[in-house]
């Protein structure tokens, strides 16, 4: 039995295409894996505060050396990290905003990116050699984008700071098994977008 964490990052609700992707994924996965359990983490419609000076003062103090005051700085982060570690499979639904990710998702990632919790330096000192601490995890990134051609060596690939960043930063945490499925052409609408939706929906249902 696997524990699946569904993460939604869109600031839209009913009109969100990335939410539709995670919904289709969850329905499909439950049919094929009825014993798996699901948890929802909202980072688009519910505010995830950005890290601040108190967070930094707490996060870089060894847990046993923290005072009550600086422990408070990472209280939410501790909750989010614990939840993240407890799951086996992550399903991240996110739109592309200005060629990158929503601010709520960035805040969530910053809360998760904790030294000696989700990653560490191999030598124990700042050496640029990052070691991910999350093992045997799997992630599906379900993205929605207005244009098309954001893949590697495609016409807009140089402007893709969405899935390229997500794959990199979660890779630093140790998640290497990452599958990306992207719904493109939203801004064009019409038959082209409907064709894109049908193709992507089928891909998700085949997982």
N, C-alpha and C. Protein backbone atom coordinates (compact mmCIF):
# COMPACT_ATOMS: atom_id res chain seq x y z
N UNK A 1 0.83 -1.19 0.00
CA UNK A 1 0.00 0.00 0.00
C UNK A 1 0.87 1.24 0.00
N UNK A 2 0.55 2.19 -0.87
CA UNK A 2 1.27 3.45 -0.96
C UNK A 2 0.43 4.59 -0.40
N UNK A 3 1.12 5.60 0.11
CA UNK A 3 0.47 6.82 0.55
C UNK A 3 0.75 7.89 -0.51
N UNK A 4 -0.33 8.46 -1.04
CA UNK A 4 -0.23 9.40 -2.15
C UNK A 4 -0.59 10.80 -1.66
N UNK A 5 0.29 11.76 -1.94
CA UNK A 5 0.06 13.15 -1.57
C UNK A 5 -0.28 13.95 -2.82
N UNK A 6 -1.50 14.50 -2.86
CA UNK A 6 -1.93 15.34 -3.98
C UNK A 6 -1.70 16.80 -3.60
N UNK A 7 -0.91 17.51 -4.40
CA UNK A 7 -0.57 18.91 -4.13
C UNK A 7 -1.14 19.76 -5.26
N UNK A 8 -2.02 20.68 -4.93
CA UNK A 8 -2.59 21.59 -5.93
C UNK A 8 -2.09 23.00 -5.70
N UNK A 9 -1.61 23.64 -6.78
CA UNK A 9 -0.97 24.95 -6.65
C UNK A 9 -1.69 26.07 -7.36
N UNK A 10 -2.73 25.78 -8.11
CA UNK A 10 -3.42 26.82 -8.87
C UNK A 10 -4.19 27.75 -7.94
N UNK A 11 -4.22 29.05 -8.29
CA UNK A 11 -5.01 30.01 -7.51
C UNK A 11 -6.45 30.03 -8.01
N UNK A 12 -6.73 29.28 -9.08
CA UNK A 12 -8.10 29.14 -9.55
C UNK A 12 -8.68 27.85 -8.98
N UNK A 13 -10.00 27.81 -8.90
CA UNK A 13 -10.67 26.63 -8.36
C UNK A 13 -11.34 25.84 -9.48
N UNK A 14 -12.58 26.16 -9.79
CA UNK A 14 -13.34 25.37 -10.76
C UNK A 14 -12.78 25.49 -12.18
N UNK A 15 -12.17 26.62 -12.50
CA UNK A 15 -11.66 26.84 -13.84
C UNK A 15 -10.20 26.40 -14.00
N UNK A 16 -9.66 25.78 -12.99
CA UNK A 16 -8.26 25.36 -13.03
C UNK A 16 -8.08 24.09 -13.85
N UNK A 17 -7.22 24.13 -14.83
CA UNK A 17 -6.94 22.95 -15.65
C UNK A 17 -5.98 21.99 -14.92
N UNK A 18 -5.06 22.52 -14.15
CA UNK A 18 -4.15 21.63 -13.43
C UNK A 18 -4.90 20.84 -12.35
N UNK A 19 -5.93 21.43 -11.75
CA UNK A 19 -6.74 20.69 -10.77
C UNK A 19 -7.50 19.56 -11.46
N UNK A 20 -7.94 19.80 -12.66
CA UNK A 20 -8.63 18.75 -13.41
C UNK A 20 -7.68 17.58 -13.66
N UNK A 21 -6.42 17.89 -13.91
CA UNK A 21 -5.43 16.83 -14.14
C UNK A 21 -5.22 15.99 -12.89
N UNK A 22 -5.10 16.63 -11.73
CA UNK A 22 -4.90 15.85 -10.50
C UNK A 22 -6.16 15.07 -10.15
N UNK A 23 -7.33 15.62 -10.48
CA UNK A 23 -8.58 14.89 -10.24
C UNK A 23 -8.64 13.61 -11.07
N UNK A 24 -8.31 13.73 -12.35
CA UNK A 24 -8.31 12.55 -13.24
C UNK A 24 -7.28 11.54 -12.76
N UNK A 25 -6.11 12.03 -12.34
CA UNK A 25 -5.07 11.13 -11.84
C UNK A 25 -5.58 10.37 -10.63
N UNK A 26 -6.16 11.08 -9.67
CA UNK A 26 -6.62 10.43 -8.44
C UNK A 26 -7.70 9.40 -8.72
N UNK A 27 -8.65 9.73 -9.58
CA UNK A 27 -9.72 8.78 -9.91
C UNK A 27 -9.15 7.54 -10.58
N UNK A 28 -8.22 7.74 -11.50
CA UNK A 28 -7.60 6.63 -12.21
C UNK A 28 -6.78 5.76 -11.27
N UNK A 29 -6.00 6.41 -10.40
CA UNK A 29 -5.12 5.67 -9.50
C UNK A 29 -5.93 4.85 -8.49
N UNK A 30 -7.02 5.44 -8.00
CA UNK A 30 -7.85 4.73 -7.02
C UNK A 30 -8.49 3.48 -7.63
N UNK A 31 -8.88 3.56 -8.90
CA UNK A 31 -9.45 2.38 -9.56
C UNK A 31 -8.44 1.24 -9.65
N UNK A 32 -7.19 1.60 -9.90
CA UNK A 32 -6.16 0.59 -10.13
C UNK A 32 -5.42 0.19 -8.85
N UNK A 33 -5.49 1.06 -7.84
CA UNK A 33 -4.78 0.80 -6.58
C UNK A 33 -5.71 1.11 -5.40
N UNK A 34 -6.76 0.32 -5.23
CA UNK A 34 -7.81 0.64 -4.24
C UNK A 34 -7.32 0.66 -2.80
N UNK A 35 -6.19 0.06 -2.50
CA UNK A 35 -5.70 0.03 -1.13
C UNK A 35 -4.84 1.24 -0.77
N UNK A 36 -4.44 2.01 -1.77
CA UNK A 36 -3.62 3.19 -1.51
C UNK A 36 -4.45 4.28 -0.84
N UNK A 37 -3.80 5.09 -0.04
CA UNK A 37 -4.48 6.18 0.66
C UNK A 37 -4.03 7.53 0.10
N UNK A 38 -4.91 8.53 0.22
CA UNK A 38 -4.65 9.84 -0.38
C UNK A 38 -4.73 10.94 0.67
N UNK A 39 -3.84 11.91 0.53
CA UNK A 39 -3.86 13.13 1.34
C UNK A 39 -3.81 14.32 0.39
N UNK A 40 -4.57 15.37 0.70
CA UNK A 40 -4.57 16.58 -0.12
C UNK A 40 -3.80 17.67 0.59
N UNK A 41 -2.94 18.36 -0.16
CA UNK A 41 -2.22 19.52 0.37
C UNK A 41 -2.48 20.69 -0.57
N UNK A 42 -3.14 21.72 -0.08
CA UNK A 42 -3.51 22.89 -0.86
C UNK A 42 -2.46 23.99 -0.67
N UNK A 43 -1.86 24.43 -1.77
CA UNK A 43 -0.87 25.51 -1.69
C UNK A 43 -1.23 26.68 -2.60
N UNK A 44 -2.40 26.57 -3.26
CA UNK A 44 -2.83 27.64 -4.15
C UNK A 44 -3.94 28.48 -3.57
N UNK A 45 -4.97 27.82 -3.08
CA UNK A 45 -6.12 28.52 -2.51
C UNK A 45 -5.93 28.84 -1.04
N UNK A 46 -5.02 28.14 -0.38
CA UNK A 46 -4.70 28.41 1.02
C UNK A 46 -3.27 28.92 1.10
N UNK A 47 -3.07 29.94 1.89
CA UNK A 47 -1.76 30.61 1.92
C UNK A 47 -0.70 29.77 2.64
N UNK A 48 0.42 29.59 1.97
CA UNK A 48 1.62 29.04 2.60
C UNK A 48 2.56 30.22 2.77
N UNK A 49 2.83 30.64 3.99
CA UNK A 49 3.65 31.84 4.17
C UNK A 49 5.07 31.65 3.66
N UNK A 50 5.65 32.69 3.11
CA UNK A 50 7.05 32.60 2.68
C UNK A 50 7.97 32.51 3.89
N UNK A 51 9.14 31.98 3.69
CA UNK A 51 10.10 31.93 4.79
C UNK A 51 10.54 33.35 5.13
N UNK A 52 10.95 33.53 6.39
CA UNK A 52 11.36 34.86 6.85
C UNK A 52 12.59 34.72 7.76
N UNK A 53 12.93 35.82 8.40
CA UNK A 53 14.14 35.82 9.23
C UNK A 53 14.05 34.83 10.39
N UNK A 54 12.86 34.71 11.00
CA UNK A 54 12.69 33.76 12.09
C UNK A 54 12.85 32.33 11.60
N UNK A 55 12.34 32.06 10.38
CA UNK A 55 12.48 30.73 9.80
C UNK A 55 13.95 30.38 9.62
N UNK A 56 14.70 31.31 9.04
CA UNK A 56 16.12 31.07 8.80
C UNK A 56 16.87 30.86 10.12
N UNK A 57 16.53 31.67 11.12
CA UNK A 57 17.18 31.54 12.42
C UNK A 57 16.92 30.18 13.06
N UNK A 58 15.78 29.58 12.75
CA UNK A 58 15.43 28.28 13.32
C UNK A 58 15.97 27.12 12.48
N UNK A 59 15.82 27.23 11.17
CA UNK A 59 16.12 26.10 10.29
C UNK A 59 17.59 25.70 10.31
N UNK A 60 18.46 26.66 10.57
CA UNK A 60 19.89 26.36 10.54
C UNK A 60 20.47 26.13 11.93
N UNK A 61 19.58 25.95 12.91
CA UNK A 61 20.01 25.56 14.25
C UNK A 61 19.74 24.07 14.41
N UNK A 62 20.69 23.34 14.95
CA UNK A 62 20.49 21.92 15.17
C UNK A 62 19.28 21.71 16.07
N UNK A 63 18.41 20.75 15.76
CA UNK A 63 17.16 20.57 16.52
C UNK A 63 17.33 20.55 18.02
N UNK A 64 18.35 19.87 18.54
CA UNK A 64 18.54 19.76 19.98
C UNK A 64 19.00 21.06 20.61
N UNK A 65 19.47 22.00 19.76
CA UNK A 65 19.96 23.28 20.29
C UNK A 65 18.94 24.40 20.14
N UNK A 66 17.77 24.11 19.60
CA UNK A 66 16.76 25.14 19.41
C UNK A 66 16.10 25.52 20.73
N UNK A 67 15.84 26.82 20.86
CA UNK A 67 15.06 27.30 21.98
C UNK A 67 13.59 27.27 21.59
N UNK A 68 12.69 27.50 22.55
CA UNK A 68 11.28 27.54 22.23
C UNK A 68 10.99 28.63 21.21
N UNK A 69 11.72 29.75 21.33
CA UNK A 69 11.49 30.88 20.44
C UNK A 69 11.86 30.54 19.00
N UNK A 70 13.05 29.98 18.78
CA UNK A 70 13.41 29.71 17.38
C UNK A 70 12.81 28.41 16.86
N UNK A 71 12.32 27.56 17.73
CA UNK A 71 11.57 26.39 17.27
C UNK A 71 10.27 26.84 16.62
N UNK A 72 9.70 27.91 17.16
CA UNK A 72 8.45 28.44 16.62
C UNK A 72 8.61 28.86 15.17
N UNK A 73 9.80 29.28 14.79
CA UNK A 73 10.02 29.76 13.42
C UNK A 73 9.83 28.70 12.36
N UNK A 74 9.96 27.43 12.72
CA UNK A 74 9.81 26.35 11.74
C UNK A 74 8.67 25.41 12.10
N UNK A 75 7.73 25.87 12.89
CA UNK A 75 6.62 25.01 13.32
C UNK A 75 5.81 24.51 12.13
N UNK A 76 5.42 25.41 11.24
CA UNK A 76 4.68 25.00 10.05
C UNK A 76 5.55 24.14 9.15
N UNK A 77 6.79 24.56 8.97
CA UNK A 77 7.72 23.81 8.13
C UNK A 77 7.88 22.38 8.63
N UNK A 78 7.98 22.21 9.95
CA UNK A 78 8.09 20.86 10.52
C UNK A 78 6.89 20.00 10.14
N UNK A 79 5.69 20.60 10.19
CA UNK A 79 4.47 19.88 9.84
C UNK A 79 4.49 19.46 8.38
N UNK A 80 4.87 20.40 7.50
CA UNK A 80 4.88 20.11 6.07
C UNK A 80 5.95 19.08 5.71
N UNK A 81 7.11 19.19 6.32
CA UNK A 81 8.19 18.23 6.05
C UNK A 81 7.78 16.84 6.52
N UNK A 82 7.20 16.76 7.71
CA UNK A 82 6.76 15.46 8.24
C UNK A 82 5.74 14.83 7.30
N UNK A 83 4.77 15.61 6.87
CA UNK A 83 3.76 15.10 5.94
C UNK A 83 4.39 14.62 4.65
N UNK A 84 5.32 15.39 4.13
CA UNK A 84 5.97 15.05 2.86
C UNK A 84 6.75 13.74 2.99
N UNK A 85 7.49 13.61 4.05
CA UNK A 85 8.29 12.40 4.25
C UNK A 85 7.43 11.15 4.40
N UNK A 86 6.25 11.31 4.97
CA UNK A 86 5.41 10.15 5.26
C UNK A 86 4.75 9.56 4.02
N UNK A 87 4.82 10.25 2.89
CA UNK A 87 4.18 9.77 1.67
C UNK A 87 5.18 9.15 0.71
N UNK A 88 4.66 8.28 -0.13
CA UNK A 88 5.50 7.54 -1.08
C UNK A 88 5.44 8.13 -2.48
N UNK A 89 4.27 8.64 -2.84
CA UNK A 89 4.03 9.15 -4.19
C UNK A 89 3.47 10.56 -4.09
N UNK A 90 4.02 11.45 -4.91
CA UNK A 90 3.57 12.83 -4.94
C UNK A 90 2.96 13.15 -6.29
N UNK A 91 1.82 13.81 -6.27
CA UNK A 91 1.15 14.24 -7.50
C UNK A 91 0.98 15.75 -7.41
N UNK A 92 1.77 16.46 -8.18
CA UNK A 92 1.79 17.92 -8.11
C UNK A 92 1.11 18.52 -9.33
N UNK A 93 0.00 19.22 -9.09
CA UNK A 93 -0.70 19.90 -10.16
C UNK A 93 -0.40 21.39 -10.11
N UNK A 94 0.17 21.93 -11.18
CA UNK A 94 0.55 23.34 -11.15
C UNK A 94 0.44 23.99 -12.52
N UNK A 95 -0.09 25.20 -12.57
CA UNK A 95 -0.06 25.95 -13.82
C UNK A 95 1.29 26.64 -13.98
N UNK A 96 1.56 27.11 -15.18
CA UNK A 96 2.72 27.96 -15.43
C UNK A 96 2.27 29.41 -15.34
N UNK A 97 2.87 30.15 -14.43
CA UNK A 97 2.60 31.58 -14.31
C UNK A 97 3.88 32.34 -14.69
N UNK A 98 3.80 33.15 -15.72
CA UNK A 98 4.96 33.95 -16.14
C UNK A 98 6.20 33.08 -16.33
N UNK A 99 6.01 31.95 -16.97
CA UNK A 99 7.06 30.99 -17.33
C UNK A 99 7.66 30.28 -16.12
N UNK A 100 7.02 30.42 -14.95
CA UNK A 100 7.53 29.79 -13.73
C UNK A 100 6.38 29.16 -12.97
N UNK A 101 6.45 29.15 -11.66
CA UNK A 101 5.45 28.49 -10.82
C UNK A 101 4.71 29.51 -9.97
N UNK A 102 3.53 29.18 -9.46
CA UNK A 102 2.80 30.09 -8.57
C UNK A 102 3.60 30.39 -7.30
N UNK A 103 3.39 31.58 -6.76
CA UNK A 103 4.14 31.99 -5.57
C UNK A 103 3.86 31.07 -4.38
N UNK A 104 2.63 30.56 -4.27
CA UNK A 104 2.31 29.66 -3.16
C UNK A 104 3.11 28.37 -3.22
N UNK A 105 3.32 27.86 -4.42
CA UNK A 105 4.12 26.65 -4.60
C UNK A 105 5.58 26.92 -4.25
N UNK A 106 6.08 28.08 -4.64
CA UNK A 106 7.47 28.44 -4.28
C UNK A 106 7.61 28.51 -2.77
N UNK A 107 6.63 29.11 -2.07
CA UNK A 107 6.70 29.18 -0.61
C UNK A 107 6.68 27.78 0.00
N UNK A 108 5.86 26.90 -0.57
CA UNK A 108 5.77 25.52 -0.08
C UNK A 108 7.11 24.81 -0.25
N UNK A 109 7.72 24.97 -1.40
CA UNK A 109 9.02 24.33 -1.64
C UNK A 109 10.06 24.88 -0.67
N UNK A 110 10.04 26.19 -0.45
CA UNK A 110 11.00 26.78 0.50
C UNK A 110 10.80 26.22 1.91
N UNK A 111 9.56 25.93 2.28
CA UNK A 111 9.29 25.34 3.59
C UNK A 111 9.81 23.89 3.67
N UNK A 112 9.83 23.21 2.53
CA UNK A 112 10.28 21.81 2.50
C UNK A 112 11.80 21.69 2.39
N UNK A 113 12.43 22.68 1.81
CA UNK A 113 13.86 22.60 1.49
C UNK A 113 14.67 22.84 2.76
N UNK A 114 14.77 21.82 3.59
CA UNK A 114 15.38 21.95 4.91
C UNK A 114 16.66 21.13 5.02
N UNK A 115 17.75 21.81 5.34
CA UNK A 115 19.02 21.13 5.52
C UNK A 115 18.92 20.10 6.64
N UNK A 116 19.46 18.92 6.40
CA UNK A 116 19.45 17.78 7.32
C UNK A 116 18.06 17.23 7.58
N UNK A 117 17.08 17.68 6.81
CA UNK A 117 15.73 17.13 6.87
C UNK A 117 15.35 16.50 5.53
N UNK A 118 15.50 17.27 4.45
CA UNK A 118 15.21 16.75 3.11
C UNK A 118 16.47 16.72 2.23
N UNK A 119 17.54 17.36 2.68
CA UNK A 119 18.81 17.32 1.96
C UNK A 119 19.94 17.66 2.94
N UNK A 120 21.17 17.39 2.51
CA UNK A 120 22.33 17.73 3.33
C UNK A 120 23.53 17.92 2.41
N UNK A 121 24.61 18.49 2.96
CA UNK A 121 25.89 18.51 2.27
C UNK A 121 26.59 17.20 2.57
N UNK A 122 27.19 16.60 1.56
CA UNK A 122 27.79 15.28 1.75
C UNK A 122 28.84 15.29 2.86
N UNK A 123 29.66 16.32 2.92
CA UNK A 123 30.74 16.37 3.91
C UNK A 123 30.27 16.91 5.26
N UNK A 124 29.04 17.44 5.30
CA UNK A 124 28.58 18.08 6.52
C UNK A 124 28.90 19.55 6.57
N UNK A 125 29.68 20.01 5.60
CA UNK A 125 30.04 21.42 5.47
C UNK A 125 29.62 21.89 4.08
N UNK A 126 29.39 23.21 3.92
CA UNK A 126 29.01 23.71 2.58
C UNK A 126 30.07 23.39 1.53
N UNK A 127 29.77 22.39 0.71
CA UNK A 127 30.75 21.93 -0.29
C UNK A 127 30.15 21.86 -1.68
N UNK A 128 28.87 22.26 -1.83
CA UNK A 128 28.24 22.21 -3.15
C UNK A 128 27.84 20.82 -3.58
N UNK A 129 28.09 19.82 -2.74
CA UNK A 129 27.75 18.44 -3.06
C UNK A 129 26.50 18.07 -2.28
N UNK A 130 25.35 18.23 -2.93
CA UNK A 130 24.07 18.03 -2.26
C UNK A 130 23.67 16.55 -2.28
N UNK A 131 23.14 16.09 -1.17
CA UNK A 131 22.66 14.72 -1.06
C UNK A 131 21.19 14.76 -0.63
N UNK A 132 20.32 14.18 -1.44
CA UNK A 132 18.91 14.13 -1.08
C UNK A 132 18.65 13.09 -0.02
N UNK A 133 17.76 13.39 0.90
CA UNK A 133 17.46 12.49 2.01
C UNK A 133 16.14 11.73 1.83
N UNK A 134 15.43 12.01 0.75
CA UNK A 134 14.18 11.31 0.47
C UNK A 134 14.47 10.16 -0.49
N UNK A 135 14.23 8.95 -0.05
CA UNK A 135 14.57 7.77 -0.85
C UNK A 135 13.32 7.00 -1.25
N UNK A 136 13.40 6.37 -2.42
CA UNK A 136 12.32 5.49 -2.91
C UNK A 136 10.99 6.22 -3.04
N UNK A 137 11.06 7.48 -3.50
CA UNK A 137 9.86 8.27 -3.72
C UNK A 137 9.61 8.42 -5.22
N UNK A 138 8.35 8.69 -5.55
CA UNK A 138 7.97 8.86 -6.95
C UNK A 138 7.11 10.12 -7.07
N UNK A 139 7.33 10.90 -8.13
CA UNK A 139 6.56 12.13 -8.30
C UNK A 139 6.01 12.24 -9.72
N UNK A 140 4.76 12.69 -9.79
CA UNK A 140 4.13 13.04 -11.07
C UNK A 140 3.88 14.55 -11.05
N UNK A 141 4.43 15.25 -12.01
CA UNK A 141 4.19 16.68 -12.16
C UNK A 141 3.19 16.86 -13.29
N UNK A 142 2.00 17.35 -12.96
CA UNK A 142 0.94 17.57 -13.93
C UNK A 142 0.80 19.07 -14.13
N UNK A 143 1.31 19.57 -15.22
CA UNK A 143 1.36 21.02 -15.42
C UNK A 143 0.40 21.47 -16.52
N UNK A 144 -0.04 22.71 -16.41
CA UNK A 144 -0.84 23.32 -17.47
C UNK A 144 -0.15 24.61 -17.89
N UNK A 145 -0.17 24.86 -19.23
CA UNK A 145 0.57 26.00 -19.76
C UNK A 145 -0.19 26.61 -20.93
N UNK A 146 -0.05 27.90 -21.10
CA UNK A 146 -0.79 28.59 -22.14
C UNK A 146 -0.31 28.29 -23.54
N UNK A 147 0.99 28.24 -23.71
CA UNK A 147 1.59 28.02 -25.02
C UNK A 147 2.06 26.57 -25.12
N UNK A 148 2.88 26.31 -26.09
CA UNK A 148 3.40 24.96 -26.29
C UNK A 148 4.88 25.05 -26.63
N UNK A 149 5.54 23.90 -26.77
CA UNK A 149 6.95 23.88 -27.15
C UNK A 149 7.90 24.17 -26.03
N UNK A 150 7.56 23.76 -24.79
CA UNK A 150 8.41 24.04 -23.64
C UNK A 150 9.35 22.89 -23.29
N UNK A 151 9.36 21.85 -24.11
CA UNK A 151 10.25 20.73 -23.86
C UNK A 151 11.68 21.06 -24.21
N UNK A 152 12.58 20.18 -23.80
CA UNK A 152 13.99 20.37 -24.09
C UNK A 152 14.22 20.42 -25.59
N UNK A 153 14.97 21.43 -26.03
CA UNK A 153 15.30 21.65 -27.44
C UNK A 153 14.11 22.07 -28.29
N UNK A 154 12.98 22.41 -27.65
CA UNK A 154 11.83 22.93 -28.39
C UNK A 154 11.87 24.46 -28.39
N UNK A 155 10.98 25.08 -29.16
CA UNK A 155 11.08 26.52 -29.41
C UNK A 155 11.02 27.38 -28.16
N UNK A 156 10.25 26.95 -27.15
CA UNK A 156 10.12 27.72 -25.92
C UNK A 156 10.83 27.08 -24.73
N UNK A 157 11.66 26.10 -25.01
CA UNK A 157 12.33 25.38 -23.94
C UNK A 157 13.18 26.30 -23.06
N UNK A 158 13.77 27.33 -23.65
CA UNK A 158 14.62 28.24 -22.89
C UNK A 158 13.83 29.12 -21.92
N UNK A 159 12.49 29.14 -22.07
CA UNK A 159 11.65 29.95 -21.18
C UNK A 159 10.94 29.10 -20.13
N UNK A 160 11.23 27.83 -20.08
CA UNK A 160 10.55 26.93 -19.14
C UNK A 160 11.27 26.91 -17.80
N UNK A 161 10.81 27.76 -16.89
CA UNK A 161 11.33 27.77 -15.53
C UNK A 161 10.32 27.12 -14.58
N UNK A 162 9.42 26.36 -15.15
CA UNK A 162 8.39 25.67 -14.38
C UNK A 162 8.82 24.23 -14.11
N UNK A 163 8.64 23.36 -15.08
CA UNK A 163 8.94 21.94 -14.84
C UNK A 163 10.44 21.68 -14.71
N UNK A 164 11.28 22.49 -15.39
CA UNK A 164 12.73 22.29 -15.25
C UNK A 164 13.16 22.59 -13.82
N UNK A 165 12.62 23.65 -13.25
CA UNK A 165 12.95 23.99 -11.86
C UNK A 165 12.42 22.93 -10.91
N UNK A 166 11.18 22.50 -11.10
CA UNK A 166 10.58 21.52 -10.19
C UNK A 166 11.35 20.21 -10.20
N UNK A 167 11.72 19.76 -11.37
CA UNK A 167 12.48 18.52 -11.46
C UNK A 167 13.83 18.65 -10.76
N UNK A 168 14.45 19.82 -10.91
CA UNK A 168 15.75 20.04 -10.29
C UNK A 168 15.65 20.09 -8.77
N UNK A 169 14.73 20.93 -8.25
CA UNK A 169 14.69 21.16 -6.81
C UNK A 169 14.23 19.91 -6.05
N UNK A 170 13.26 19.17 -6.60
CA UNK A 170 12.84 17.94 -5.93
C UNK A 170 13.90 16.85 -6.10
N UNK A 171 14.66 16.94 -7.18
CA UNK A 171 15.79 16.02 -7.35
C UNK A 171 16.85 16.23 -6.29
N UNK A 172 17.07 17.49 -5.91
CA UNK A 172 18.02 17.79 -4.84
C UNK A 172 17.59 17.11 -3.54
N UNK A 173 16.28 17.02 -3.33
CA UNK A 173 15.76 16.36 -2.12
C UNK A 173 15.86 14.84 -2.20
N UNK A 174 16.21 14.32 -3.38
CA UNK A 174 16.39 12.88 -3.51
C UNK A 174 15.35 12.18 -4.36
N UNK A 175 14.38 12.94 -4.88
CA UNK A 175 13.34 12.32 -5.71
C UNK A 175 13.84 12.28 -7.15
N UNK A 176 14.18 11.11 -7.61
CA UNK A 176 14.74 10.95 -8.95
C UNK A 176 13.73 10.40 -9.95
N UNK A 177 12.73 9.70 -9.44
CA UNK A 177 11.71 9.12 -10.32
C UNK A 177 10.59 10.15 -10.49
N UNK A 178 10.76 11.02 -11.48
CA UNK A 178 9.82 12.12 -11.72
C UNK A 178 9.29 12.04 -13.15
N UNK A 179 7.98 11.96 -13.27
CA UNK A 179 7.34 11.92 -14.58
C UNK A 179 6.57 13.22 -14.78
N UNK A 180 6.77 13.86 -15.92
CA UNK A 180 6.13 15.14 -16.23
C UNK A 180 5.11 14.96 -17.34
N UNK A 181 3.88 15.41 -17.08
CA UNK A 181 2.83 15.39 -18.09
C UNK A 181 2.26 16.81 -18.16
N UNK A 182 2.33 17.42 -19.33
CA UNK A 182 1.96 18.83 -19.46
C UNK A 182 0.82 19.04 -20.45
N UNK A 183 -0.16 19.81 -20.01
CA UNK A 183 -1.27 20.22 -20.86
C UNK A 183 -0.95 21.61 -21.41
N UNK A 184 -0.78 21.70 -22.72
CA UNK A 184 -0.40 22.96 -23.37
C UNK A 184 -1.56 23.53 -24.18
N UNK A 185 -1.32 24.73 -24.71
CA UNK A 185 -2.23 25.38 -25.69
C UNK A 185 -3.47 26.01 -25.08
N UNK A 186 -3.48 26.27 -23.78
CA UNK A 186 -4.69 26.84 -23.18
C UNK A 186 -5.03 28.20 -23.80
N UNK A 187 -4.03 29.03 -24.04
CA UNK A 187 -4.32 30.38 -24.53
C UNK A 187 -4.88 30.38 -25.96
N UNK A 188 -4.70 29.30 -26.68
CA UNK A 188 -5.23 29.22 -28.05
C UNK A 188 -6.70 28.80 -28.05
N UNK A 189 -7.08 28.01 -27.04
CA UNK A 189 -8.47 27.59 -26.93
C UNK A 189 -8.95 26.78 -28.12
N UNK A 190 -10.27 26.69 -28.26
CA UNK A 190 -10.87 26.05 -29.42
C UNK A 190 -10.51 24.59 -29.59
N UNK A 191 -10.53 24.16 -30.84
CA UNK A 191 -10.31 22.75 -31.16
C UNK A 191 -8.90 22.30 -30.78
N UNK A 192 -7.92 23.20 -30.92
CA UNK A 192 -6.55 22.84 -30.60
C UNK A 192 -6.40 22.48 -29.13
N UNK A 193 -7.00 23.30 -28.26
CA UNK A 193 -6.91 23.04 -26.83
C UNK A 193 -7.71 21.79 -26.45
N UNK A 194 -8.87 21.60 -27.06
CA UNK A 194 -9.67 20.40 -26.78
C UNK A 194 -8.90 19.14 -27.16
N UNK A 195 -8.19 19.21 -28.27
CA UNK A 195 -7.37 18.07 -28.71
C UNK A 195 -6.27 17.80 -27.69
N UNK A 196 -5.63 18.86 -27.20
CA UNK A 196 -4.58 18.71 -26.20
C UNK A 196 -5.13 18.08 -24.93
N UNK A 197 -6.31 18.55 -24.48
CA UNK A 197 -6.91 17.99 -23.26
C UNK A 197 -7.21 16.51 -23.43
N UNK A 198 -7.80 16.13 -24.54
CA UNK A 198 -8.15 14.73 -24.75
C UNK A 198 -6.91 13.85 -24.72
N UNK A 199 -5.83 14.32 -25.34
CA UNK A 199 -4.60 13.54 -25.38
C UNK A 199 -3.99 13.38 -23.98
N UNK A 200 -3.96 14.48 -23.23
CA UNK A 200 -3.36 14.43 -21.90
C UNK A 200 -4.21 13.63 -20.94
N UNK A 201 -5.53 13.78 -21.02
CA UNK A 201 -6.41 13.00 -20.15
C UNK A 201 -6.19 11.50 -20.38
N UNK A 202 -6.04 11.11 -21.64
CA UNK A 202 -5.81 9.70 -21.95
C UNK A 202 -4.46 9.23 -21.41
N UNK A 203 -3.45 10.08 -21.51
CA UNK A 203 -2.13 9.71 -20.99
C UNK A 203 -2.19 9.45 -19.48
N UNK A 204 -2.90 10.31 -18.77
CA UNK A 204 -3.02 10.14 -17.32
C UNK A 204 -3.78 8.88 -16.98
N UNK A 205 -4.83 8.59 -17.73
CA UNK A 205 -5.65 7.39 -17.46
C UNK A 205 -4.89 6.11 -17.79
N UNK A 206 -3.84 6.21 -18.57
CA UNK A 206 -3.03 5.03 -18.92
C UNK A 206 -1.92 4.75 -17.91
N UNK A 207 -1.75 5.65 -16.95
CA UNK A 207 -0.69 5.44 -15.97
C UNK A 207 -1.01 4.22 -15.11
